[in-house]
Protein backbone atom coordinates (compact mmCIF):
# COMPACT_ATOMS: atom_id res chain seq x y z
CA UNK A 1 -206.72 135.45 94.64
CA UNK A 2 -206.72 131.99 96.85
CA UNK A 3 -207.85 133.60 99.91
CA UNK A 4 -210.95 134.60 99.37
CA UNK A 5 -212.15 131.10 97.76
CA UNK A 6 -211.00 129.09 100.69
CA UNK A 7 -213.02 131.68 103.01
CA UNK A 8 -215.77 131.84 101.24
CA UNK A 9 -217.95 129.74 102.89
CA UNK A 10 -218.30 127.21 100.14
CA UNK A 11 -218.25 123.70 102.52
CA UNK A 12 -221.87 124.55 103.81
CA UNK A 13 -223.49 125.12 100.50
CA UNK A 14 -224.00 121.64 99.11
CA UNK A 15 -224.83 120.26 102.55
CA UNK A 16 -227.91 121.93 103.28
CA UNK A 17 -229.68 120.42 100.41
CA UNK A 18 -229.17 117.03 101.33
CA UNK A 19 -228.15 116.82 104.67
CA UNK A 20 -231.14 119.37 106.05
CA UNK A 21 -233.62 116.94 104.28
CA UNK A 22 -236.49 115.01 106.08
CA UNK A 23 -236.83 112.39 102.78
CA UNK A 24 -233.86 111.29 100.63
CA UNK A 25 -234.05 113.00 97.13
CA UNK A 26 -236.21 111.84 94.97
CA UNK A 27 -233.82 112.51 92.25
CA UNK A 28 -237.39 112.17 89.84
CA UNK A 29 -239.13 114.55 90.81
CA UNK A 30 -235.59 116.75 91.49
CA UNK A 31 -234.78 116.91 87.93
CA UNK A 32 -238.73 117.02 86.21
CA UNK A 33 -238.87 120.07 88.07
CA UNK A 34 -235.63 121.54 86.19
CA UNK A 35 -232.30 121.31 84.98
CA UNK A 36 -230.58 124.45 84.99
CA UNK A 37 -227.46 125.67 83.64
CA UNK A 38 -225.48 126.82 86.86
CA UNK A 39 -221.98 127.66 84.98
CA UNK A 40 -219.76 127.38 82.24
CA UNK A 41 -216.17 126.37 82.80
CA UNK A 42 -214.02 127.59 79.85
CA UNK A 43 -210.23 127.07 79.36
CA UNK A 44 -209.56 123.75 77.26
CA UNK A 45 -208.47 124.67 73.83
CA UNK A 46 -209.97 121.45 72.41
CA UNK A 47 -212.72 118.55 73.09
CA UNK A 48 -213.56 117.70 76.62
CA UNK A 49 -213.46 113.86 77.04
CA UNK A 50 -214.35 113.45 81.00
CA UNK A 51 -215.52 114.82 83.89
CA UNK A 52 -215.44 113.81 87.44
CA UNK A 53 -217.00 115.75 90.80
CA UNK A 54 -214.82 115.33 93.76
CA UNK A 55 -216.25 113.26 96.47
CA UNK A 56 -216.10 116.57 98.56
CA UNK A 57 -218.66 117.97 95.74
CA UNK A 58 -216.25 121.25 96.20
CA UNK A 59 -214.16 120.43 92.63
CA UNK A 60 -214.44 119.20 89.43
CA UNK A 61 -211.75 117.41 87.15
CA UNK A 62 -211.95 117.63 83.40
CA UNK A 63 -209.80 116.50 80.77
CA UNK A 64 -209.10 115.74 77.07
CA UNK A 65 -207.56 116.64 73.86
CA UNK A 66 -205.65 119.36 75.27
CA UNK A 67 -203.60 116.85 77.12
CA UNK A 68 -204.15 118.32 80.32
CA UNK A 69 -206.65 117.48 83.13
CA UNK A 70 -207.83 120.43 84.54
CA UNK A 71 -209.11 121.02 88.23
CA UNK A 72 -212.17 123.71 88.61
CA UNK A 73 -213.53 125.55 91.86
CA UNK A 74 -217.18 125.01 91.63
CA UNK A 75 -219.00 127.91 93.26
CA UNK A 76 -216.30 130.37 91.66
CA UNK A 77 -215.60 128.63 88.35
CA UNK A 78 -212.03 129.33 88.53
CA UNK A 79 -209.35 127.10 87.55
CA UNK A 80 -207.48 126.16 89.90
CA UNK A 81 -204.65 123.96 88.90
CA UNK A 82 -203.94 122.08 85.07
CA UNK A 83 -201.86 119.32 85.64
CA UNK A 84 -199.43 118.15 82.73
CA UNK A 85 -197.80 114.73 81.70
CA UNK A 86 -200.05 112.98 79.03
CA UNK A 87 -198.85 113.46 75.76
CA UNK A 88 -202.16 112.44 73.89
CA UNK A 89 -205.79 112.52 74.42
CA UNK A 90 -206.85 112.27 78.25
CA UNK A 91 -209.97 109.98 77.83
CA UNK A 92 -210.74 109.45 81.80
CA UNK A 93 -210.76 111.03 84.56
CA UNK A 94 -211.94 109.78 88.17
CA UNK A 95 -211.25 110.30 91.73
CA UNK A 96 -210.53 107.81 94.30
CA UNK A 97 -213.72 107.74 96.71
CA UNK A 98 -211.77 109.22 99.38
CA UNK A 99 -210.89 112.33 97.13
CA UNK A 100 -206.90 111.23 97.78
CA UNK A 101 -206.25 110.73 94.00
CA UNK A 102 -206.93 111.58 90.82
CA UNK A 103 -206.61 108.85 87.95
CA UNK A 104 -206.42 109.70 83.86
CA UNK A 105 -206.34 107.34 81.22
CA UNK A 106 -204.65 108.28 78.05
CA UNK A 107 -204.34 107.18 74.54
CA UNK A 108 -200.45 107.58 75.57
CA UNK A 109 -201.19 104.09 76.38
CA UNK A 110 -200.66 105.27 80.21
CA UNK A 111 -202.39 105.54 83.52
CA UNK A 112 -201.39 108.50 85.78
CA UNK A 113 -202.80 108.85 89.57
CA UNK A 114 -202.41 112.37 90.94
CA UNK A 115 -202.96 114.17 93.77
CA UNK A 116 -205.66 116.28 93.42
CA UNK A 117 -204.84 118.79 96.20
CA UNK A 118 -201.16 119.69 94.97
CA UNK A 119 -201.53 118.64 91.46
CA UNK A 120 -198.42 116.47 91.96
CA UNK A 121 -198.37 113.02 90.02
CA UNK A 122 -198.25 110.01 92.22
CA UNK A 123 -198.30 106.70 90.26
CA UNK A 124 -197.76 106.39 86.29
CA UNK A 125 -199.31 102.95 85.30
CA UNK A 126 -198.25 101.24 82.21
CA UNK A 127 -197.35 98.08 80.64
CA UNK A 128 -194.91 97.62 77.96
CA UNK A 129 -197.39 96.71 75.46
CA UNK A 130 -199.96 98.56 76.44
CA UNK A 131 -203.06 100.31 73.84
CA UNK A 132 -204.68 103.24 73.78
CA UNK A 133 -206.48 103.52 76.71
CA UNK A 134 -210.34 104.63 76.41
CA UNK A 135 -211.91 103.69 79.75
CA UNK A 136 -211.44 103.73 83.64
CA UNK A 137 -213.24 102.09 85.99
CA UNK A 138 -212.47 101.96 90.24
CA UNK A 139 -213.96 99.11 92.23
CA UNK A 140 -216.44 100.65 94.76
CA UNK A 141 -213.68 100.92 97.42
CA UNK A 142 -211.50 102.25 95.19
CA UNK A 143 -208.97 100.33 96.01
CA UNK A 144 -209.11 98.65 92.02
CA UNK A 145 -208.86 99.95 89.11
CA UNK A 146 -209.77 98.76 85.60
CA UNK A 147 -209.18 100.03 82.18
CA UNK A 148 -210.38 99.26 78.97
CA UNK A 149 -208.34 100.23 76.16
CA UNK A 150 -208.04 99.12 71.92
CA UNK A 151 -207.05 95.51 73.23
CA UNK A 152 -209.19 92.49 73.68
CA UNK A 153 -207.51 92.56 77.55
CA UNK A 154 -208.39 94.23 80.81
CA UNK A 155 -206.14 95.21 82.94
CA UNK A 156 -206.82 95.48 86.79
CA UNK A 157 -204.23 96.88 88.78
CA UNK A 158 -204.14 97.65 92.61
CA UNK A 159 -204.21 101.69 93.40
CA UNK A 160 -202.15 102.14 96.59
CA UNK A 161 -199.14 100.03 95.52
CA UNK A 162 -199.83 100.88 91.56
CA UNK A 163 -199.14 97.41 91.12
CA UNK A 164 -200.43 94.99 88.29
CA UNK A 165 -203.13 92.93 89.98
CA UNK A 166 -204.55 90.71 87.20
CA UNK A 167 -205.21 90.43 83.32
CA UNK A 168 -208.37 89.61 81.99
CA UNK A 169 -208.98 87.37 78.87
CA UNK A 170 -211.77 85.81 77.53
CA UNK A 171 -211.84 81.88 76.83
CA UNK A 172 -212.06 82.71 72.95
CA UNK A 173 -208.76 82.71 71.92
CA UNK A 174 -209.29 83.83 68.24
CA UNK A 175 -211.48 86.73 69.35
CA UNK A 176 -209.28 90.01 68.90
CA UNK A 177 -211.89 92.03 69.65
CA UNK A 178 -211.06 95.46 71.22
CA UNK A 179 -212.47 95.76 75.32
CA UNK A 180 -213.26 99.70 75.35
CA UNK A 181 -215.20 100.02 77.94
CA UNK A 182 -215.35 98.92 81.36
CA UNK A 183 -217.46 99.35 84.68
CA UNK A 184 -216.88 97.59 87.89
CA UNK A 185 -220.53 96.69 89.86
CA UNK A 186 -221.55 98.26 92.88
CA UNK A 187 -220.30 95.18 95.30
CA UNK A 188 -217.05 95.20 93.20
CA UNK A 189 -216.84 90.97 92.62
CA UNK A 190 -217.98 91.71 88.98
CA UNK A 191 -216.68 93.91 86.00
CA UNK A 192 -218.62 94.39 83.11
CA UNK A 193 -216.75 95.25 79.95
CA UNK A 194 -217.77 96.18 76.90
CA UNK A 195 -216.65 95.72 72.98
CA UNK A 196 -215.97 97.39 69.81
CA UNK A 197 -218.03 94.78 68.10
CA UNK A 198 -221.07 95.77 70.76
CA UNK A 199 -220.47 92.68 72.52
CA UNK A 200 -220.56 92.79 76.27
CA UNK A 201 -219.00 90.28 79.09
CA UNK A 202 -219.26 90.00 82.76
CA UNK A 203 -216.33 88.99 84.77
CA UNK A 204 -215.72 87.61 88.25
CA UNK A 205 -212.45 89.87 89.33
CA UNK A 206 -211.87 88.27 92.83
CA UNK A 207 -211.01 85.89 93.54
CA UNK A 208 -210.77 84.11 89.46
CA UNK A 209 -210.64 86.86 86.96
CA UNK A 210 -212.83 84.26 84.89
CA UNK A 211 -215.22 85.01 82.00
CA UNK A 212 -218.67 84.62 83.45
CA UNK A 213 -220.62 85.34 80.62
CA UNK A 214 -220.57 86.93 77.21
CA UNK A 215 -223.90 88.17 75.77
CA UNK A 216 -224.26 90.01 72.22
CA UNK A 217 -225.56 93.11 73.62
CA UNK A 218 -225.54 95.56 70.58
CA UNK A 219 -224.53 93.63 68.18
CA UNK A 220 -226.07 92.30 65.28
CA UNK A 221 -225.21 89.60 63.34
CA UNK A 222 -225.63 89.96 59.21
CA UNK A 223 -225.58 87.80 57.05
CA UNK A 224 -222.91 88.46 54.88
CA UNK A 225 -220.65 89.13 58.58
CA UNK A 226 -218.20 86.83 59.44
CA UNK A 227 -215.21 87.03 62.32
CA UNK A 228 -212.91 88.44 58.81
CA UNK A 229 -215.53 90.98 57.65
CA UNK A 230 -216.41 92.27 60.72
CA UNK A 231 -213.71 94.98 60.77
CA UNK A 232 -210.29 95.47 62.50
CA UNK A 233 -208.05 98.05 62.33
CA UNK A 234 -205.08 98.94 60.11
CA UNK A 235 -202.37 100.80 61.55
CA UNK A 236 -200.93 101.77 57.65
CA UNK A 237 -204.27 103.39 57.10
CA UNK A 238 -205.14 104.70 60.15
CA UNK A 239 -208.40 103.81 60.22
CA UNK A 240 -211.12 100.81 60.42
CA UNK A 241 -211.33 98.29 57.29
CA UNK A 242 -215.03 98.69 58.16
CA UNK A 243 -216.79 101.18 60.81
CA UNK A 244 -218.11 99.10 64.07
CA UNK A 245 -221.53 99.93 64.12
CA UNK A 246 -221.74 99.04 67.39
CA UNK A 247 -218.94 99.86 69.69
CA UNK A 248 -219.74 100.23 73.22
CA UNK A 249 -219.38 103.92 73.96
CA UNK A 250 -220.63 104.07 78.05
CA UNK A 251 -221.87 101.50 80.46
CA UNK A 252 -222.88 101.88 84.50
CA UNK A 253 -224.73 99.82 86.86
CA UNK A 254 -227.95 100.56 88.57
CA UNK A 255 -226.57 101.50 92.39
CA UNK A 256 -228.64 98.07 93.46
CA UNK A 257 -226.77 96.24 90.96
CA UNK A 258 -230.12 94.73 89.24
CA UNK A 259 -229.66 96.20 85.88
CA UNK A 260 -226.49 97.07 83.76
CA UNK A 261 -227.06 99.78 81.25
CA UNK A 262 -225.08 100.00 78.13
CA UNK A 263 -224.74 102.63 75.54
CA UNK A 264 -223.65 102.18 71.98
CA UNK A 265 -222.67 103.71 68.47
CA UNK A 266 -225.90 102.41 67.76
CA UNK A 267 -227.77 105.14 69.03
CA UNK A 268 -229.70 102.80 71.68
CA UNK A 269 -229.06 102.71 75.28
CA UNK A 270 -229.98 99.03 76.48
CA UNK A 271 -231.02 97.92 79.69
CA UNK A 272 -229.81 94.19 81.24
CA UNK A 273 -231.09 92.64 84.13
CA UNK A 274 -228.48 90.89 86.29
CA UNK A 275 -226.67 88.21 86.83
CA UNK A 276 -227.99 86.76 83.74
CA UNK A 277 -227.72 89.87 81.30
CA UNK A 278 -231.40 88.76 80.42
CA UNK A 279 -232.28 91.49 77.98
CA UNK A 280 -234.84 93.86 79.97
CA UNK A 281 -235.24 97.32 77.59
CA UNK A 282 -234.18 99.45 74.95
CA UNK A 283 -234.41 103.03 75.29
CA UNK A 284 -234.11 104.97 71.81
CA UNK A 285 -233.89 109.22 71.22
CA UNK A 286 -230.09 109.60 70.38
CA UNK A 287 -229.62 110.63 67.22
CA UNK A 288 -225.96 109.95 67.61
CA UNK A 289 -223.37 107.55 69.34
CA UNK A 290 -223.68 107.57 72.76
CA UNK A 291 -220.80 108.21 74.64
CA UNK A 292 -221.80 108.80 79.03
CA UNK A 293 -224.58 106.95 81.58
CA UNK A 294 -224.94 107.97 85.07
CA UNK A 295 -227.66 106.84 87.10
CA UNK A 296 -228.92 108.97 90.42
CA UNK A 297 -228.24 107.56 93.62
CA UNK A 298 -231.58 106.41 94.13
CA UNK A 299 -231.52 104.70 91.02
CA UNK A 300 -234.55 106.60 89.16
CA UNK A 301 -233.00 108.54 86.94
CA UNK A 302 -230.47 107.39 83.96
CA UNK A 303 -228.49 110.54 82.68
CA UNK A 304 -227.47 109.84 79.24
CA UNK A 305 -225.38 112.09 76.62
CA UNK A 306 -224.04 111.62 72.91
CA UNK A 307 -222.45 112.86 69.37
CA UNK A 308 -225.99 114.27 69.07
CA UNK A 309 -224.76 117.34 70.98
CA UNK A 310 -227.78 116.18 73.85
CA UNK A 311 -228.07 115.19 77.79
CA UNK A 312 -231.06 112.99 78.10
CA UNK A 313 -233.22 112.52 80.87
CA UNK A 314 -234.81 108.86 81.66
CA UNK A 315 -237.18 107.09 84.13
CA UNK A 316 -235.52 104.09 84.39
CA UNK A 317 -238.79 102.55 85.45
CA UNK A 318 -241.20 103.41 82.56
CA UNK A 319 -237.81 103.84 80.21
CA UNK A 320 -239.25 107.27 79.32
CA UNK A 321 -236.91 110.60 77.97
CA UNK A 322 -238.49 112.99 80.66
CA UNK A 323 -236.30 115.58 79.26
CA UNK A 324 -233.53 116.82 76.72
CA UNK A 325 -231.07 119.58 76.75
CA UNK A 326 -229.54 120.84 73.95
CA UNK A 327 -227.23 123.31 75.29
CA UNK A 328 -223.79 121.78 73.99
CA UNK A 329 -222.64 122.41 70.46
CA UNK A 330 -220.52 119.91 69.94
CA UNK A 331 -220.97 116.27 71.15
CA UNK A 332 -221.27 115.42 75.32
CA UNK A 333 -218.49 112.84 75.83
CA UNK A 334 -218.52 112.77 79.70
CA UNK A 335 -221.18 113.32 82.38
CA UNK A 336 -220.41 113.00 86.04
CA UNK A 337 -223.16 113.46 89.01
CA UNK A 338 -222.07 114.78 92.39
CA UNK A 339 -222.18 112.38 95.39
CA UNK A 340 -225.91 113.59 96.42
CA UNK A 341 -226.75 113.62 93.11
CA UNK A 342 -227.90 117.54 93.38
CA UNK A 343 -225.25 118.62 90.47
CA UNK A 344 -224.57 117.55 86.83
CA UNK A 345 -221.44 118.18 84.93
CA UNK A 346 -220.84 117.66 81.62
CA UNK A 347 -217.99 117.93 78.90
CA UNK A 348 -218.39 118.46 75.49
CA UNK A 349 -216.48 118.32 72.43
CA UNK A 350 -217.16 122.30 72.24
CA UNK A 351 -213.98 122.90 74.81
CA UNK A 352 -216.89 123.79 77.44
CA UNK A 353 -217.66 121.86 81.09
CA UNK A 354 -221.23 122.82 81.91
CA UNK A 355 -222.73 122.33 85.50
CA UNK A 356 -226.09 121.67 86.06
CA UNK A 357 -228.79 122.07 88.86
CA UNK A 358 -232.57 120.21 89.03
CA UNK A 359 -235.24 120.89 91.53
CA UNK A 360 -237.33 124.65 91.63
CA UNK A 361 -235.63 127.47 91.01
CA UNK A 362 -234.07 128.74 94.74
CA UNK A 363 -235.48 131.94 95.89
CA UNK A 364 -233.33 135.11 95.11
């Protein structure tokens, strides 16, 4: 079975679309024209948390509640391999920019690095007192990996050696809220983090590892609110004393690093102008917790998804939502764009991963 897949002219397929263009892809034009469902990948036995395109655009990796990382052939839809090792929900999956390694973060408190071509485990990253991992971000050069978790600190690892480089801790020693979401800036010098109460922080990664800025972000102080009543996790009851209404579900930067974009449990998306994190715009339309955000390579289109089962396309310049897809029957927890911006993958609680294309429909 492997022979036909290897011999099909797969690499030639994505290339003409981008390489043959006289002008770079205008993503606004491309996704306004259409958003077709090209393929559905079925195989996960439970909800899927995360999906990632390989840099060459030939394979997809997805992972979720069934604790398996699945690697798919994009052209045939065939499952190439399943990677076993994690013992709890896998919340994040990422390829390194060179495609030589795949990083996965899990609620089993570990990060694993794999060889995506062979499925062989490369490294296991964890610290003794770590907590459930719910977010991973790679620096643009692929050398550093940051993790957000059910803990207040942020850890950054060196990918090549697997050594822990630094721990980022806020200046307020009494702030015990979790840093659940992380995103490296496009130049790799800064890291943004989102908290379970909806606040955001900007850190200088190297050389200082210093907290540069704290912003209320989505969090709104109410009259009866105090640090005591803001809500915290009670292990015995297995739940929150009070729901965290503004929990950051996703964050990303625009490619030019001009804006940081965050999505929250409050069903809004906010844009902050960098480097001061000045609030620029709030995008409303989702009817559920926003779980994933991606920006097209030309910075023109934001794609968001969430627990309202929808994928939404926004014109970043005007803030207008120009397309809403309601194809999944469960919350859409993960999104990934191919490197050329021509394809979108979505991962859903309905146990499927779907592949989308825009532009004019190709002639038969």
